[in-house]
PDB file of N, CA and C in Angstrom:
ATOM      1  N   MET A   1      -7.475  33.168-124.744  1.00  0.00           N
ATOM      2  CA  MET A   1      -7.803  32.683-122.932  1.00  0.00           C
ATOM      3  C   MET A   1      -7.574  34.105-122.213  1.00  0.00           C
ATOM      4  N   ALA A   2      -8.066  34.621-121.235  1.00  0.00           N
ATOM      5  CA  ALA A   2      -8.659  35.534-119.887  1.00  0.00           C
ATOM      6  C   ALA A   2      -7.047  35.033-119.820  1.00  0.00           C
ATOM      7  N   ARG A   3      -6.095  36.432-118.857  1.00  0.00           N
ATOM      8  CA  ARG A   3      -5.139  36.475-118.591  1.00  0.00           C
ATOM      9  C   ARG A   3      -5.268  35.505-117.116  1.00  0.00           C
ATOM     10  N   ASN A   4      -6.361  35.973-116.488  1.00  0.00           N
ATOM     11  CA  ASN A   4      -6.641  34.864-114.723  1.00  0.00           C
ATOM     12  C   ASN A   4      -6.599  33.494-115.053  1.00  0.00           C
ATOM     13  N   ASP A   5      -7.060  33.073-116.415  1.00  0.00           N
ATOM     14  CA  ASP A   5      -7.099  31.467-116.874  1.00  0.00           C
ATOM     15  C   ASP A   5      -5.734  30.853-116.601  1.00  0.00           C
ATOM     16  N   ILE A   6      -4.755  31.811-117.567  1.00  0.00           N
ATOM     17  CA  ILE A   6      -3.308  31.272-117.577  1.00  0.00           C
ATOM     18  C   ILE A   6      -1.997  31.630-116.406  1.00  0.00           C
ATOM     19  N   ARG A   7      -2.619  32.423-115.321  1.00  0.00           N
ATOM     20  CA  ARG A   7      -1.365  33.195-114.482  1.00  0.00           C
ATOM     21  C   ARG A   7      -2.496  33.360-112.994  1.00  0.00           C
ATOM     22  N   PRO A   8      -3.430  32.262-112.415  1.00  0.00           N
ATOM     23  CA  PRO A   8      -3.924  32.445-111.326  1.00  0.00           C
ATOM     24  C   PRO A   8      -3.753  32.655-109.978  1.00  0.00           C
ATOM     25  N   ILE A   9      -3.937  33.648-109.159  1.00  0.00           N
ATOM     26  CA  ILE A   9      -3.514  33.904-107.962  1.00  0.00           C
ATOM     27  C   ILE A   9      -3.678  32.750-106.877  1.00  0.00           C
ATOM     28  N   ILE A  10      -2.727  31.964-105.945  1.00  0.00           N
ATOM     29  CA  ILE A  10      -2.904  31.103-105.581  1.00  0.00           C
ATOM     30  C   ILE A  10      -1.928  31.563-103.882  1.00  0.00           C
ATOM     31  N   LYS A  11      -3.154  30.427-103.115  1.00  0.00           N
ATOM     32  CA  LYS A  11      -2.404  30.428-101.438  1.00  0.00           C
ATOM     33  C   LYS A  11      -1.439  29.548-101.395  1.00  0.00           C
ATOM     34  N   LEU A  12      -0.012  30.055-100.635  1.00  0.00           N
ATOM     35  CA  LEU A  12       0.711  29.347-100.305  1.00  0.00           C
ATOM     36  C   LEU A  12       0.492  28.988 -98.695  1.00  0.00           C
ATOM     37  N   ARG A  13      -0.117  27.475 -98.413  1.00  0.00           N
ATOM     38  CA  ARG A  13       0.073  27.692 -96.934  1.00  0.00           C
ATOM     39  C   ARG A  13       1.149  26.715 -96.094  1.00  0.00           C
ATOM     40  N   SER A  14       1.523  27.267 -95.140  1.00  0.00           N
ATOM     41  CA  SER A  14       2.749  26.508 -94.019  1.00  0.00           C
ATOM     42  C   SER A  14       2.097  25.288 -93.645  1.00  0.00           C
ATOM     43  N   THR A  15       3.166  24.436 -94.158  1.00  0.00           N
ATOM     44  CA  THR A  15       2.936  22.772 -93.385  1.00  0.00           C
ATOM     45  C   THR A  15       3.054  22.292 -92.137  1.00  0.00           C
ATOM     46  N   ALA A  16       3.754  23.829 -91.701  1.00  0.00           N
ATOM     47  CA  ALA A  16       4.314  23.838 -90.221  1.00  0.00           C
ATOM     48  C   ALA A  16       3.253  24.195 -88.923  1.00  0.00           C
ATOM     49  N   GLY A  17       1.658  23.988 -89.486  1.00  0.00           N
ATOM     50  CA  GLY A  17       0.687  24.087 -88.953  1.00  0.00           C
ATOM     51  C   GLY A  17       0.580  25.796 -88.407  1.00  0.00           C
ATOM     52  N   THR A  18       0.716  26.767 -88.510  1.00  0.00           N
ATOM     53  CA  THR A  18       1.331  28.215 -88.034  1.00  0.00           C
ATOM     54  C   THR A  18       0.138  28.520 -89.218  1.00  0.00           C
ATOM     55  N   GLY A  19      -0.625  28.670 -89.857  1.00  0.00           N
ATOM     56  CA  GLY A  19      -1.074  29.271 -90.697  1.00  0.00           C
ATOM     57  C   GLY A  19      -1.028  30.338 -91.345  1.00  0.00           C
ATOM     58  N   TYR A  20       0.433  30.589 -91.836  1.00  0.00           N
ATOM     59  CA  TYR A  20       0.864  31.091 -92.202  1.00  0.00           C
ATOM     60  C   TYR A  20       1.016  31.147 -93.592  1.00  0.00           C
ATOM     61  N   MET A  21       0.675  32.388 -94.606  1.00  0.00           N
ATOM     62  CA  MET A  21       0.697  32.231 -95.964  1.00  0.00           C
ATOM     63  C   MET A  21       1.543  33.049 -96.366  1.00  0.00           C
ATOM     64  N   TYR A  22       1.657  32.141 -97.954  1.00  0.00           N
ATOM     65  CA  TYR A  22       2.150  34.032 -99.347  1.00  0.00           C
ATOM     66  C   TYR A  22       1.042  33.704-100.222  1.00  0.00           C
ATOM     67  N   VAL A  23       0.959  34.717-100.959  1.00  0.00           N
ATOM     68  CA  VAL A  23       0.136  34.850-101.765  1.00  0.00           C
ATOM     69  C   VAL A  23       1.241  34.870-103.051  1.00  0.00           C
ATOM     70  N   THR A  24       0.688  33.962-104.064  1.00  0.00           N
ATOM     71  CA  THR A  24       1.432  34.491-105.433  1.00  0.00           C
ATOM     72  C   THR A  24       0.753  33.831-106.844  1.00  0.00           C
ATOM     73  N   ARG A  25       0.824  34.096-107.579  1.00  0.00           N
ATOM     74  CA  ARG A  25       0.972  33.719-109.114  1.00  0.00           C
ATOM     75  C   ARG A  25       1.429  32.077-109.572  1.00  0.00           C
ATOM     76  N   LYS A  26       0.617  31.432-110.669  1.00  0.00           N
ATOM     77  CA  LYS A  26       2.011  30.647-111.356  1.00  0.00           C
ATOM     78  C   LYS A  26       1.040  30.136-112.471  1.00  0.00           C
ATOM     79  N   ASN A  27       2.071  30.066-113.459  1.00  0.00           N
ATOM     80  CA  ASN A  27       1.327  29.338-114.810  1.00  0.00           C
ATOM     81  C   ASN A  27       0.916  28.271-114.721  1.00  0.00           C
ATOM     82  N   ARG A  28      -0.479  28.171-114.999  1.00  0.00           N
ATOM     83  CA  ARG A  28      -1.256  26.983-115.138  1.00  0.00           C
ATOM     84  C   ARG A  28      -0.270  25.768-116.246  1.00  0.00           C
ATOM     85  N   ARG A  29       0.243  26.901-117.332  1.00  0.00           N
ATOM     86  CA  ARG A  29       0.612  25.720-118.367  1.00  0.00           C
ATOM     87  C   ARG A  29       1.945  24.865-118.000  1.00  0.00           C
ATOM     88  N   ASN A  30       2.844  25.571-117.316  1.00  0.00           N
ATOM     89  CA  ASN A  30       4.199  24.613-116.293  1.00  0.00           C
ATOM     90  C   ASN A  30       4.028  24.094-115.192  1.00  0.00           C
ATOM     91  N   ASP A  31       2.759  24.586-114.557  1.00  0.00           N
ATOM     92  CA  ASP A  31       2.574  24.078-113.510  1.00  0.00           C
ATOM     93  C   ASP A  31       1.322  23.054-113.368  1.00  0.00           C
ATOM     94  N   PRO A  32       0.745  22.078-113.378  1.00  0.00           N
ATOM     95  CA  PRO A  32      -0.654  22.138-113.577  1.00  0.00           C
ATOM     96  C   PRO A  32      -1.437  21.422-112.424  1.00  0.00           C
ATOM     97  N   ASP A  33      -0.347  20.825-111.671  1.00  0.00           N
ATOM     98  CA  ASP A  33      -1.044  20.197-110.166  1.00  0.00           C
ATOM     99  C   ASP A  33      -0.523  21.098-109.321  1.00  0.00           C
ATOM    100  N   ARG A  34      -1.108  21.217-108.156  1.00  0.00           N
ATOM    101  CA  ARG A  34      -0.519  21.872-107.076  1.00  0.00           C
ATOM    102  C   ARG A  34       1.001  22.212-106.934  1.00  0.00           C
ATOM    103  N   LEU A  35       1.109  23.737-106.512  1.00  0.00           N
ATOM    104  CA  LEU A  35       2.492  23.904-105.908  1.00  0.00           C
ATOM    105  C   LEU A  35       2.818  23.612-104.700  1.00  0.00           C
ATOM    106  N   GLN A  36       4.826  23.142-104.865  1.00  0.00           N
ATOM    107  CA  GLN A  36       5.011  22.986-103.084  1.00  0.00           C
ATOM    108  C   GLN A  36       6.454  24.117-103.430  1.00  0.00           C
ATOM    109  N   LEU A  37       6.558  24.351-102.189  1.00  0.00           N
ATOM    110  CA  LEU A  37       7.812  25.363-102.449  1.00  0.00           C
ATOM    111  C   LEU A  37       8.151  25.391-101.234  1.00  0.00           C
ATOM    112  N   ARG A  38       9.427  25.910-100.842  1.00  0.00           N
ATOM    113  CA  ARG A  38       9.950  25.274 -99.494  1.00  0.00           C
ATOM    114  C   ARG A  38      10.934  26.925 -99.313  1.00  0.00           C
ATOM    115  N   LYS A  39       9.585  27.274 -98.547  1.00  0.00           N
ATOM    116  CA  LYS A  39       9.536  29.252 -97.869  1.00  0.00           C
ATOM    117  C   LYS A  39       9.617  29.341 -96.427  1.00  0.00           C
ATOM    118  N   TYR A  40      10.176  30.602 -96.155  1.00  0.00           N
ATOM    119  CA  TYR A  40      10.277  31.115 -94.814  1.00  0.00           C
ATOM    120  C   TYR A  40       9.423  31.286 -93.876  1.00  0.00           C
ATOM    121  N   ASP A  41       9.331  30.590 -93.176  1.00  0.00           N
ATOM    122  CA  ASP A  41       7.999  30.820 -92.531  1.00  0.00           C
ATOM    123  C   ASP A  41       8.615  31.944 -90.988  1.00  0.00           C
ATOM    124  N   PRO A  42       8.001  32.588 -90.627  1.00  0.00           N
ATOM    125  CA  PRO A  42       8.022  33.882 -89.801  1.00  0.00           C
ATOM    126  C   PRO A  42       8.538  33.211 -88.599  1.00  0.00           C
ATOM    127  N   VAL A  43       6.966  33.297 -88.304  1.00  0.00           N
ATOM    128  CA  VAL A  43       6.471  32.227 -87.274  1.00  0.00           C
ATOM    129  C   VAL A  43       6.959  31.135 -86.574  1.00  0.00           C
ATOM    130  N   ALA A  44       7.191  29.996 -87.465  1.00  0.00           N
ATOM    131  CA  ALA A  44       7.890  29.287 -87.062  1.00  0.00           C
ATOM    132  C   ALA A  44       9.716  29.348 -86.863  1.00  0.00           C
ATOM    133  N   ARG A  45      10.215  30.344 -87.600  1.00  0.00           N
ATOM    134  CA  ARG A  45      11.530  31.118 -87.369  1.00  0.00           C
ATOM    135  C   ARG A  45      12.568  30.053 -88.501  1.00  0.00           C
ATOM    136  N   ARG A  46      12.111  29.537 -89.185  1.00  0.00           N
ATOM    137  CA  ARG A  46      12.737  28.238 -90.145  1.00  0.00           C
ATOM    138  C   ARG A  46      11.939  28.302 -91.551  1.00  0.00           C
ATOM    139  N   HIS A  47      12.533  27.376 -92.315  1.00  0.00           N
ATOM    140  CA  HIS A  47      12.135  27.453 -93.926  1.00  0.00           C
ATOM    141  C   HIS A  47      11.279  26.088 -93.605  1.00  0.00           C
ATOM    142  N   VAL A  48      10.251  25.836 -94.418  1.00  0.00           N
ATOM    143  CA  VAL A  48       9.419  24.809 -94.295  1.00  0.00           C
ATOM    144  C   VAL A  48       8.970  24.706 -95.754  1.00  0.00           C
ATOM    145  N   LEU A  49       8.092  23.752 -95.968  1.00  0.00           N
ATOM    146  CA  LEU A  49       7.100  23.071 -96.632  1.00  0.00           C
ATOM    147  C   LEU A  49       5.832  23.914 -97.040  1.00  0.00           C
ATOM    148  N   PHE A  50       5.964  24.896 -98.350  1.00  0.00           N
ATOM    149  CA  PHE A  50       3.890  25.280 -98.410  1.00  0.00           C
ATOM    150  C   PHE A  50       3.500  24.850 -99.583  1.00  0.00           C
ATOM    151  N   ARG A  51       2.250  24.427 -99.577  1.00  0.00           N
ATOM    152  CA  ARG A  51       1.538  24.353-100.290  1.00  0.00           C
ATOM    153  C   ARG A  51       0.641  24.607-100.797  1.00  0.00           C
ATOM    154  N   GLU A  52      -0.130  24.529-101.994  1.00  0.00           N
ATOM    155  CA  GLU A  52      -0.257  25.205-102.373  1.00  0.00           C
ATOM    156  C   GLU A  52      -2.146  24.972-102.023  1.00  0.00           C
ATOM    157  N   GLU A  53      -2.690  25.827-101.827  1.00  0.00           N
ATOM    158  CA  GLU A  53      -4.019  25.788-101.207  1.00  0.00           C
ATOM    159  C   GLU A  53      -5.209  26.165-102.574  1.00  0.00           C
ATOM    160  N   ARG A  54      -6.526  25.181-102.705  1.00  0.00           N
ATOM    161  CA  ARG A  54      -7.611  25.646-103.436  1.00  0.00           C
ATOM    162  C   ARG A  54      -8.705  26.309-102.830  1.00  0.00           C
TER     163      ARG A  54
END
């Protein structure tokens, strides 16, 4: 397999509606579903849930 197939670059968009995004990589073997992480949103100035975008 190519390197990009196993660890693709994904965008995490804030669920607070601010439009803020993080860009990261994920391991498809360990996380085949969409990723959800609680991270800091500087626009909302609090920690919110970020969901993977496709």
